[in-house]
Amino acid sequence: MSIKDFKSLKRWQPSVPPSDPINLPKFIYAEFLRLSDFISNIDLNSIDETHVEPDKSRNGDIRYADGTDWNPGQGKNLYYYDGTNWIALAGAGGAGDHGQFYDTSNQIAAAVDTGQGVTWGGTAYSRGVSVDGVDTTKINFTHGGRYYIDFTATIHSENASAKEIYFWPAINGTDISNSGMVHSLDTNDHRKTISRSGIFQVNAGDYLQAMWATNDTDLDLHGLAASAFAPAIPSATLSVIQVAQ
């Protein structure tokens, strides 16, 4: 057996020795080569890609799942076993997913007292979280988990009457209980920047919408163009960071 016959070893087991003593030196040499390959893998921390979930896993086991034949939940990734589940290590796909979205257009209510989604026209950063390609009010999640979400909007009044605007999040079209906020304006051309943040549980494939409604269509989401002394002000921004799987 030559060196080129050897493949990377995850576990070394001794081979059956030859019955003919004359072949024993070659056998011993081959075994040393196999053992050397195994030790080198340990020294280099090499972890082979795994296509099938191990049937006997112990706390602390580490595997590199191929993400297709075996997908523990975060695709092609490095995982550790916590005694119950395979968890993607920090920095792998899913762990650390994030997005930063914004819109610079003036968003106007289609009708009073009617919920509609904030639209997102720009993406600053995105990994595992993205604006839907068809409905730009939807933020799609590739991986499930808990996400910290921070929302801001610049609201604007176009007349002097008192008016209110409401905001709340919805996941897959369902409003999140006890999550809304309300603001009021009563001066013509009055502006106010408002914000709200929270942690939300989502599943892989879910979508999030930042919903809003107003009792006066002269209250809108209104950004500002860049000036000689200040950068542009978006009408809305959304920051999304995964904090747990």
Protein backbone atom coordinates (compact mmCIF):
# COMPACT_ATOMS: atom_id res chain seq x y z
CA MET A 1 0.00 0.00 0.00
CA SER A 2 1.42 3.39 -1.00
CA ILE A 3 0.99 6.84 0.53
CA LYS A 4 -1.40 7.90 -2.25
CA ASP A 5 -3.86 5.20 -1.13
CA PHE A 6 -4.58 7.04 2.11
CA LYS A 7 -7.54 9.37 2.64
CA SER A 8 -8.21 11.80 5.48
CA LEU A 9 -9.14 9.87 8.63
CA LYS A 10 -11.66 10.96 11.25
CA ARG A 11 -11.11 7.88 13.40
CA TRP A 12 -8.24 5.40 13.41
CA GLN A 13 -8.90 1.70 13.83
CA PRO A 14 -6.18 -0.93 13.46
CA SER A 15 -6.27 -3.13 10.38
CA VAL A 16 -6.10 -6.90 10.44
CA PRO A 17 -2.44 -7.97 10.29
CA PRO A 18 -1.32 -10.19 7.42
CA SER A 19 -1.10 -13.93 7.96
CA ASP A 20 2.22 -14.12 6.12
CA PRO A 21 5.03 -12.73 8.34
CA ILE A 22 6.92 -11.59 5.29
CA ASN A 23 4.31 -8.87 4.74
CA LEU A 24 4.43 -7.69 8.34
CA PRO A 25 7.00 -4.85 7.82
CA LYS A 26 4.91 -3.37 4.99
CA PHE A 27 1.78 -3.70 7.13
CA ILE A 28 3.38 -1.92 10.09
CA TYR A 29 4.62 0.88 7.83
CA ALA A 30 1.14 1.31 6.34
CA GLU A 31 -0.42 1.44 9.81
CA PHE A 32 2.04 4.12 10.88
CA LEU A 33 1.07 6.15 7.81
CA ARG A 34 -2.62 5.85 8.66
CA LEU A 35 -1.98 6.77 12.27
CA SER A 36 0.15 9.74 11.17
CA ASP A 37 -2.68 11.00 8.96
CA PHE A 38 -5.12 10.74 11.86
CA ILE A 39 -2.79 12.61 14.23
CA SER A 40 -2.21 15.32 11.60
CA ASN A 41 -5.94 15.91 11.35
CA ILE A 42 -6.12 16.37 15.10
CA ASP A 43 -3.15 18.73 15.06
CA LEU A 44 -4.63 20.81 12.21
CA ASN A 45 -8.17 20.75 13.68
CA SER A 46 -9.51 19.38 10.42
CA ILE A 47 -13.23 18.54 10.48
CA ASP A 48 -14.54 16.60 7.50
CA GLU A 49 -17.88 17.50 5.94
CA THR A 50 -20.69 15.31 7.32
CA HIS A 51 -23.64 14.16 5.18
CA VAL A 52 -25.57 12.16 7.80
CA GLU A 53 -26.46 13.10 11.37
CA PRO A 54 -24.43 11.00 13.84
CA ASP A 55 -26.61 8.36 15.49
CA LYS A 56 -24.74 8.52 18.80
CA SER A 57 -23.90 12.12 19.70
CA ARG A 58 -22.33 13.33 22.93
CA ASN A 59 -22.36 16.78 24.56
CA GLY A 60 -19.74 18.96 22.91
CA ASP A 61 -19.46 16.98 19.66
CA ILE A 62 -18.59 19.19 16.68
CA ARG A 63 -19.56 18.43 13.09
CA TYR A 64 -19.44 20.29 9.78
CA ALA A 65 -22.83 19.61 8.16
CA ASP A 66 -23.05 19.71 4.37
CA GLY A 67 -26.41 21.55 4.60
CA THR A 68 -28.12 19.42 1.95
CA ASP A 69 -28.04 15.74 2.92
CA TRP A 70 -27.94 16.83 6.56
CA ASN A 71 -29.20 20.26 7.57
CA PRO A 72 -29.53 20.79 11.34
CA GLY A 73 -31.30 24.10 10.68
CA GLN A 74 -28.71 26.67 9.59
CA GLY A 75 -27.60 25.18 6.28
CA LYS A 76 -23.98 24.37 5.49
CA ASN A 77 -22.32 25.11 8.80
CA LEU A 78 -20.15 24.15 11.72
CA TYR A 79 -22.32 22.85 14.61
CA TYR A 80 -21.88 21.70 18.18
CA TYR A 81 -24.17 19.29 20.05
CA ASP A 82 -25.63 20.63 23.32
CA GLY A 83 -27.08 17.31 24.44
CA THR A 84 -30.39 17.90 22.68
CA ASN A 85 -29.86 19.91 19.50
CA TRP A 86 -27.18 20.75 16.97
CA ILE A 87 -26.39 24.46 17.32
CA ALA A 88 -24.57 26.52 14.67
CA LEU A 89 -21.42 28.08 16.08
CA ALA A 90 -21.22 31.88 16.29
CA GLY A 91 -20.13 33.43 13.03
CA ALA A 92 -21.64 30.67 10.89
CA GLY A 93 -24.60 31.18 8.57
CA GLY A 94 -27.72 31.94 10.58
CA ALA A 95 -25.76 32.90 13.66
CA GLY A 96 -25.04 36.56 13.06
CA ASP A 97 -27.62 37.11 10.32
CA HIS A 98 -28.39 40.81 9.99
CA GLY A 99 -29.86 43.51 7.79
CA GLN A 100 -29.99 47.30 7.57
CA PHE A 101 -32.81 48.69 5.41
CA TYR A 102 -34.08 52.19 4.66
CA ASP A 103 -36.38 54.19 2.43
CA THR A 104 -36.02 57.77 1.20
CA SER A 105 -39.42 58.22 -0.47
CA ASN A 106 -42.40 60.06 1.01
CA GLN A 107 -44.88 57.37 2.04
CA ILE A 108 -48.52 58.42 2.06
CA ALA A 109 -51.47 56.58 3.60
CA ALA A 110 -53.84 55.11 1.00
CA ALA A 111 -56.82 55.64 3.34
CA VAL A 112 -57.48 56.73 6.92
CA ASP A 113 -57.50 54.16 9.75
CA THR A 114 -56.16 51.45 7.42
CA GLY A 115 -53.03 49.45 8.11
CA GLN A 116 -50.35 49.25 5.44
CA GLY A 117 -46.71 48.15 5.37
CA VAL A 118 -43.74 50.52 5.31
CA THR A 119 -41.87 50.06 2.03
CA TRP A 120 -38.11 49.52 1.90
CA GLY A 121 -36.29 50.92 -1.12
CA GLY A 122 -32.68 50.51 -0.01
CA THR A 123 -30.41 47.92 1.64
CA ALA A 124 -27.20 48.95 3.38
CA TYR A 125 -26.22 45.50 4.69
CA SER A 126 -27.81 42.09 4.38
CA ARG A 127 -26.99 38.51 5.33
CA GLY A 128 -29.76 35.97 5.75
CA VAL A 129 -32.33 38.80 5.99
CA SER A 130 -33.57 40.60 2.85
CA VAL A 131 -36.30 42.73 1.28
CA ASP A 132 -38.80 40.64 -0.68
CA GLY A 133 -38.27 40.88 -4.43
CA VAL A 134 -42.00 41.28 -5.15
CA ASP A 135 -43.50 43.01 -2.09
CA THR A 136 -41.01 45.57 -0.72
CA THR A 137 -42.98 45.92 2.54
CA LYS A 138 -41.81 42.40 3.50
CA ILE A 139 -38.51 41.52 5.18
CA ASN A 140 -37.72 37.83 4.61
CA PHE A 141 -35.77 35.61 7.03
CA THR A 142 -33.63 32.75 5.75
CA HIS A 143 -33.03 31.28 9.22
CA GLY A 144 -35.18 31.01 12.30
CA GLY A 145 -34.25 32.40 15.71
CA ARG A 146 -34.64 35.44 17.91
CA TYR A 147 -33.90 38.79 16.30
CA TYR A 148 -33.36 42.24 17.76
CA ILE A 149 -35.24 44.70 15.53
CA ASP A 150 -35.00 48.49 15.71
CA PHE A 151 -37.41 50.65 13.71
CA THR A 152 -37.32 54.43 13.14
CA ALA A 153 -39.53 56.71 11.06
CA THR A 154 -39.67 60.43 10.33
CA ILE A 155 -43.30 61.56 10.46
CA HIS A 156 -44.52 64.82 8.94
CA SER A 157 -47.69 66.91 9.19
CA GLU A 158 -48.99 68.83 6.17
CA ASN A 159 -51.68 70.86 7.93
CA ALA A 160 -52.38 72.39 11.33
CA SER A 161 -55.08 69.96 12.49
CA ALA A 162 -54.40 67.39 15.21
CA LYS A 163 -53.67 63.93 13.83
CA GLU A 164 -52.34 60.56 14.98
CA ILE A 165 -50.16 57.86 13.47
CA TYR A 166 -49.84 54.25 14.66
CA PHE A 167 -47.02 51.72 14.14
CA TRP A 168 -46.82 48.00 14.91
CA PRO A 169 -45.01 44.87 13.65
CA ALA A 170 -46.63 41.90 11.90
CA ILE A 171 -45.15 38.48 11.10
CA ASN A 172 -46.60 36.55 8.17
CA GLY A 173 -49.50 39.02 8.09
CA THR A 174 -50.42 38.56 11.76
CA ASP A 175 -50.13 41.57 14.09
CA ILE A 176 -47.90 41.08 17.14
CA SER A 177 -49.86 41.56 20.37
CA ASN A 178 -48.97 44.47 22.68
CA SER A 179 -46.41 45.87 20.26
CA GLY A 180 -47.96 49.07 18.90
CA MET A 181 -47.11 52.72 19.45
CA VAL A 182 -48.92 55.96 18.64
CA HIS A 183 -47.72 59.54 18.03
CA SER A 184 -49.51 62.79 17.30
CA LEU A 185 -48.74 65.99 15.38
CA ASP A 186 -50.80 69.19 15.29
CA THR A 187 -48.68 71.83 13.56
CA ASN A 188 -48.29 72.42 9.84
CA ASP A 189 -44.93 71.12 8.54
CA HIS A 190 -44.14 69.68 11.97
CA ARG A 191 -41.65 66.75 11.88
CA LYS A 192 -40.76 64.14 14.48
CA THR A 193 -38.46 61.11 14.41
CA ILE A 194 -39.84 58.18 16.38
CA SER A 195 -38.37 54.74 17.13
CA ARG A 196 -39.20 51.39 18.70
CA SER A 197 -37.17 48.24 19.25
CA GLY A 198 -37.76 44.72 20.51
CA ILE A 199 -36.81 41.05 20.22
CA PHE A 200 -38.93 38.82 18.01
CA GLN A 201 -39.05 35.06 17.41
CA VAL A 202 -39.25 34.06 13.76
CA ASN A 203 -39.02 30.79 11.84
CA ALA A 204 -37.10 30.12 8.66
CA GLY A 205 -39.10 31.49 5.73
CA ASP A 206 -41.12 33.98 7.81
CA TYR A 207 -41.53 37.60 6.76
CA LEU A 208 -41.82 40.74 8.88
CA GLN A 209 -43.71 43.95 8.09
CA ALA A 210 -43.57 47.31 9.85
CA MET A 211 -47.23 48.35 9.69
CA TRP A 212 -48.62 51.86 10.05
CA ALA A 213 -51.94 53.72 9.91
CA THR A 214 -53.16 57.28 10.45
CA ASN A 215 -56.44 59.08 10.98
CA ASP A 216 -55.43 61.86 8.56
CA THR A 217 -53.85 61.37 5.12
CA ASP A 218 -52.01 64.68 5.59
CA LEU A 219 -49.70 62.87 8.00
CA ASP A 220 -47.00 60.93 6.13
CA LEU A 221 -43.55 59.34 6.39
CA HIS A 222 -41.31 62.03 5.01
CA GLY A 223 -37.56 62.00 4.45
CA LEU A 224 -35.28 64.90 3.55
CA ALA A 225 -32.68 65.21 0.81
CA ALA A 226 -29.07 65.87 1.71
CA SER A 227 -28.16 69.49 2.37
CA ALA A 228 -24.88 71.37 2.26
CA PHE A 229 -24.32 70.63 5.96
CA ALA A 230 -26.11 67.30 6.60
CA PRO A 231 -26.66 63.91 4.91
CA ALA A 232 -30.05 62.73 3.64
CA ILE A 233 -32.65 61.74 6.23
CA PRO A 234 -34.59 58.55 5.38
CA SER A 235 -38.34 58.38 5.87
CA ALA A 236 -37.82 55.03 7.65
CA THR A 237 -35.01 52.69 8.72
CA LEU A 238 -34.98 49.13 10.00
CA SER A 239 -32.09 47.30 11.72
CA VAL A 240 -32.26 43.52 12.18
CA ILE A 241 -29.70 41.41 14.13
CA GLN A 242 -30.00 37.75 15.12
CA VAL A 243 -29.26 37.36 18.83
CA ALA A 244 -30.15 33.67 19.34
CA GLN A 245 -31.03 30.65 17.25
